[in-house]
Structure formats: structure tokens, C-alpha cells
Amino acid sequence: MANEGWIKVFSSNQEYQVKIAEDVLKQNGIESHIVKHPDSAFPSMGEAVLFTVPDKAERAKAVLAENDVK
């Protein structure tokens, strides 16, 4: 991953949920990045993971919880 040291703050098998989480963080001024891990049998499926910088990880998790992003 290009963003060495970033912290995972959210993941889902539903990419749209990760995009919603990314938008919530962006609205709160928290930089984030989505990494997709495709399923080997079905590349269009798989897990999407949302990362942020270490110094904002706790705040990011709090913001996601406050906004009921699960």
C-alpha cells in the first residue's frame, strides 16, 4: 500500500458502505483512503478497507460511531 503506516478504521464487503464512511470522514476534515481486496474467485467482490493517518485514527473511529456508520 502506498500509504505506509496508515491505520484501518473501517471495512466492509459492501463497497458502498466504505464509500459512505469515507464521505463522513471527509465532511469532518479527516483524510482517508480506500483499499480494495478482491476475492480471488470473484474479482468484483471482496472486502474494501478504509484507512486514515495514525494521528487521526481515534477521531475517525469516533466520528464513524457518532454517525452510525457500521
N, C-alpha and C. Protein backbone atom coordinates (compact mmCIF):
# COMPACT_ATOMS: atom_id res chain seq x y z
N MET A 1 0.85 -1.20 0.00
CA MET A 1 0.00 0.00 0.00
C MET A 1 0.88 1.25 0.00
N ALA A 2 0.47 2.24 -0.74
CA ALA A 2 1.25 3.46 -0.87
C ALA A 2 1.28 4.28 0.40
N ASN A 3 0.28 4.11 1.24
CA ASN A 3 0.18 4.92 2.45
C ASN A 3 0.68 4.13 3.66
N GLU A 4 1.99 3.93 3.71
CA GLU A 4 2.62 3.18 4.80
C GLU A 4 2.28 3.78 6.15
N GLY A 5 1.96 2.92 7.10
CA GLY A 5 1.70 3.39 8.45
C GLY A 5 0.28 3.85 8.72
N TRP A 6 -0.56 3.88 7.69
CA TRP A 6 -1.94 4.30 7.90
C TRP A 6 -2.67 3.24 8.71
N ILE A 7 -3.74 3.63 9.40
CA ILE A 7 -4.48 2.76 10.30
C ILE A 7 -5.85 2.42 9.71
N LYS A 8 -6.24 1.14 9.80
CA LYS A 8 -7.56 0.70 9.34
C LYS A 8 -8.60 1.21 10.32
N VAL A 9 -9.63 1.89 9.80
CA VAL A 9 -10.70 2.40 10.67
C VAL A 9 -12.07 1.83 10.33
N PHE A 10 -12.18 1.18 9.16
CA PHE A 10 -13.48 0.63 8.76
C PHE A 10 -13.26 -0.34 7.61
N SER A 11 -14.10 -1.38 7.56
CA SER A 11 -14.07 -2.28 6.42
C SER A 11 -15.44 -2.91 6.22
N SER A 12 -15.69 -3.36 5.01
CA SER A 12 -16.97 -4.00 4.68
C SER A 12 -16.82 -4.77 3.38
N ASN A 13 -17.67 -5.77 3.21
CA ASN A 13 -17.75 -6.46 1.92
C ASN A 13 -18.61 -5.68 0.95
N GLN A 14 -19.27 -4.64 1.44
CA GLN A 14 -20.11 -3.77 0.61
C GLN A 14 -19.35 -2.46 0.37
N GLU A 15 -18.83 -2.30 -0.84
CA GLU A 15 -18.01 -1.13 -1.15
C GLU A 15 -18.74 0.18 -0.90
N TYR A 16 -20.04 0.22 -1.17
CA TYR A 16 -20.80 1.47 -0.98
C TYR A 16 -20.75 1.92 0.49
N GLN A 17 -20.74 0.96 1.43
CA GLN A 17 -20.67 1.32 2.85
C GLN A 17 -19.33 1.98 3.18
N VAL A 18 -18.28 1.49 2.56
CA VAL A 18 -16.95 2.08 2.79
C VAL A 18 -16.89 3.47 2.18
N LYS A 19 -17.52 3.65 1.03
CA LYS A 19 -17.56 4.99 0.41
C LYS A 19 -18.36 5.96 1.28
N ILE A 20 -19.44 5.50 1.90
CA ILE A 20 -20.20 6.36 2.82
C ILE A 20 -19.31 6.76 3.99
N ALA A 21 -18.59 5.79 4.55
CA ALA A 21 -17.68 6.09 5.67
C ALA A 21 -16.62 7.10 5.26
N GLU A 22 -16.08 6.93 4.05
CA GLU A 22 -15.08 7.86 3.53
C GLU A 22 -15.66 9.27 3.43
N ASP A 23 -16.89 9.38 2.93
CA ASP A 23 -17.55 10.69 2.80
C ASP A 23 -17.77 11.34 4.17
N VAL A 24 -18.19 10.54 5.16
CA VAL A 24 -18.40 11.07 6.51
C VAL A 24 -17.09 11.64 7.06
N LEU A 25 -16.01 10.89 6.87
CA LEU A 25 -14.71 11.38 7.36
C LEU A 25 -14.30 12.65 6.62
N LYS A 26 -14.49 12.67 5.32
CA LYS A 26 -14.13 13.85 4.53
C LYS A 26 -14.90 15.08 5.01
N GLN A 27 -16.20 14.91 5.31
CA GLN A 27 -17.02 16.02 5.80
C GLN A 27 -16.52 16.54 7.15
N ASN A 28 -15.77 15.68 7.87
CA ASN A 28 -15.23 16.07 9.17
C ASN A 28 -13.75 16.42 9.09
N GLY A 29 -13.23 16.61 7.88
CA GLY A 29 -11.86 17.04 7.68
C GLY A 29 -10.82 15.97 7.97
N ILE A 30 -11.21 14.70 7.85
CA ILE A 30 -10.29 13.60 8.13
C ILE A 30 -9.96 12.91 6.82
N GLU A 31 -8.68 12.95 6.46
CA GLU A 31 -8.21 12.31 5.24
C GLU A 31 -8.28 10.80 5.37
N SER A 32 -8.74 10.13 4.31
CA SER A 32 -8.81 8.67 4.34
C SER A 32 -8.58 8.12 2.94
N HIS A 33 -8.40 6.80 2.87
CA HIS A 33 -8.09 6.15 1.61
C HIS A 33 -8.69 4.75 1.61
N ILE A 34 -9.35 4.36 0.52
CA ILE A 34 -9.96 3.03 0.40
C ILE A 34 -9.01 2.10 -0.34
N VAL A 35 -8.85 0.90 0.20
CA VAL A 35 -8.09 -0.15 -0.47
C VAL A 35 -9.04 -1.33 -0.65
N LYS A 36 -9.10 -1.84 -1.87
CA LYS A 36 -9.98 -2.97 -2.16
C LYS A 36 -9.15 -4.25 -2.18
N HIS A 37 -9.71 -5.30 -1.58
CA HIS A 37 -9.10 -6.62 -1.58
C HIS A 37 -10.07 -7.55 -2.30
N PRO A 38 -9.90 -7.71 -3.63
CA PRO A 38 -10.85 -8.53 -4.38
C PRO A 38 -10.78 -10.01 -4.01
N ASP A 39 -11.91 -10.66 -4.11
CA ASP A 39 -12.00 -12.10 -3.92
C ASP A 39 -11.32 -12.78 -5.11
N SER A 40 -10.52 -13.80 -4.86
CA SER A 40 -9.79 -14.44 -5.96
C SER A 40 -10.72 -15.11 -6.97
N ALA A 41 -11.86 -15.62 -6.51
CA ALA A 41 -12.81 -16.27 -7.41
C ALA A 41 -13.74 -15.28 -8.11
N PHE A 42 -14.05 -14.18 -7.41
CA PHE A 42 -14.96 -13.16 -7.94
C PHE A 42 -14.34 -11.79 -7.74
N PRO A 43 -13.48 -11.34 -8.68
CA PRO A 43 -12.77 -10.07 -8.50
C PRO A 43 -13.66 -8.86 -8.24
N SER A 44 -14.91 -8.90 -8.71
CA SER A 44 -15.80 -7.76 -8.47
C SER A 44 -16.31 -7.74 -7.02
N MET A 45 -16.07 -8.82 -6.29
CA MET A 45 -16.49 -8.90 -4.89
C MET A 45 -15.24 -8.87 -4.01
N GLY A 46 -15.45 -8.80 -2.73
CA GLY A 46 -14.33 -8.79 -1.80
C GLY A 46 -14.47 -7.67 -0.80
N GLU A 47 -13.47 -7.54 0.04
CA GLU A 47 -13.51 -6.55 1.11
C GLU A 47 -12.90 -5.22 0.67
N ALA A 48 -13.51 -4.14 1.11
CA ALA A 48 -12.96 -2.80 0.93
C ALA A 48 -12.61 -2.29 2.33
N VAL A 49 -11.43 -1.69 2.45
CA VAL A 49 -10.93 -1.25 3.75
C VAL A 49 -10.62 0.24 3.68
N LEU A 50 -11.02 0.96 4.74
CA LEU A 50 -10.79 2.40 4.82
C LEU A 50 -9.68 2.67 5.82
N PHE A 51 -8.67 3.41 5.40
CA PHE A 51 -7.52 3.75 6.23
C PHE A 51 -7.43 5.25 6.43
N THR A 52 -6.81 5.66 7.53
CA THR A 52 -6.51 7.07 7.77
C THR A 52 -5.14 7.18 8.43
N VAL A 53 -4.65 8.40 8.54
CA VAL A 53 -3.34 8.62 9.14
C VAL A 53 -3.39 8.31 10.64
N PRO A 54 -2.30 7.82 11.20
CA PRO A 54 -2.31 7.39 12.61
C PRO A 54 -2.80 8.44 13.60
N ASP A 55 -2.43 9.70 13.41
CA ASP A 55 -2.82 10.71 14.40
C ASP A 55 -4.31 11.09 14.34
N LYS A 56 -5.02 10.59 13.32
CA LYS A 56 -6.46 10.88 13.23
C LYS A 56 -7.31 9.62 13.36
N ALA A 57 -6.70 8.48 13.59
CA ALA A 57 -7.43 7.20 13.62
C ALA A 57 -8.49 7.16 14.71
N GLU A 58 -8.14 7.57 15.92
CA GLU A 58 -9.12 7.53 17.02
C GLU A 58 -10.28 8.48 16.75
N ARG A 59 -9.99 9.66 16.26
CA ARG A 59 -11.04 10.63 15.93
C ARG A 59 -11.92 10.07 14.81
N ALA A 60 -11.31 9.44 13.82
CA ALA A 60 -12.06 8.86 12.71
C ALA A 60 -13.03 7.80 13.21
N LYS A 61 -12.57 6.93 14.07
CA LYS A 61 -13.44 5.88 14.62
C LYS A 61 -14.60 6.49 15.41
N ALA A 62 -14.31 7.55 16.16
CA ALA A 62 -15.34 8.23 16.94
C ALA A 62 -16.38 8.88 16.02
N VAL A 63 -15.92 9.54 14.97
CA VAL A 63 -16.82 10.20 14.02
C VAL A 63 -17.71 9.15 13.34
N LEU A 64 -17.15 8.04 12.95
CA LEU A 64 -17.94 6.98 12.31
C LEU A 64 -18.99 6.45 13.28
N ALA A 65 -18.63 6.25 14.54
CA ALA A 65 -19.57 5.76 15.55
C ALA A 65 -20.69 6.79 15.79
N GLU A 66 -20.32 8.06 15.87
CA GLU A 66 -21.29 9.13 16.09
C GLU A 66 -22.31 9.21 14.96
N ASN A 67 -21.87 8.82 13.75
CA ASN A 67 -22.74 8.90 12.59
C ASN A 67 -23.36 7.55 12.22
N ASP A 68 -23.29 6.61 13.16
CA ASP A 68 -23.88 5.27 12.97
C ASP A 68 -23.41 4.58 11.71
N VAL A 69 -22.15 4.77 11.35
CA VAL A 69 -21.57 4.05 10.23
C VAL A 69 -21.03 2.74 10.77
N LYS A 70 -21.65 1.63 10.34
CA LYS A 70 -21.30 0.32 10.86
C LYS A 70 -20.96 -0.62 9.74
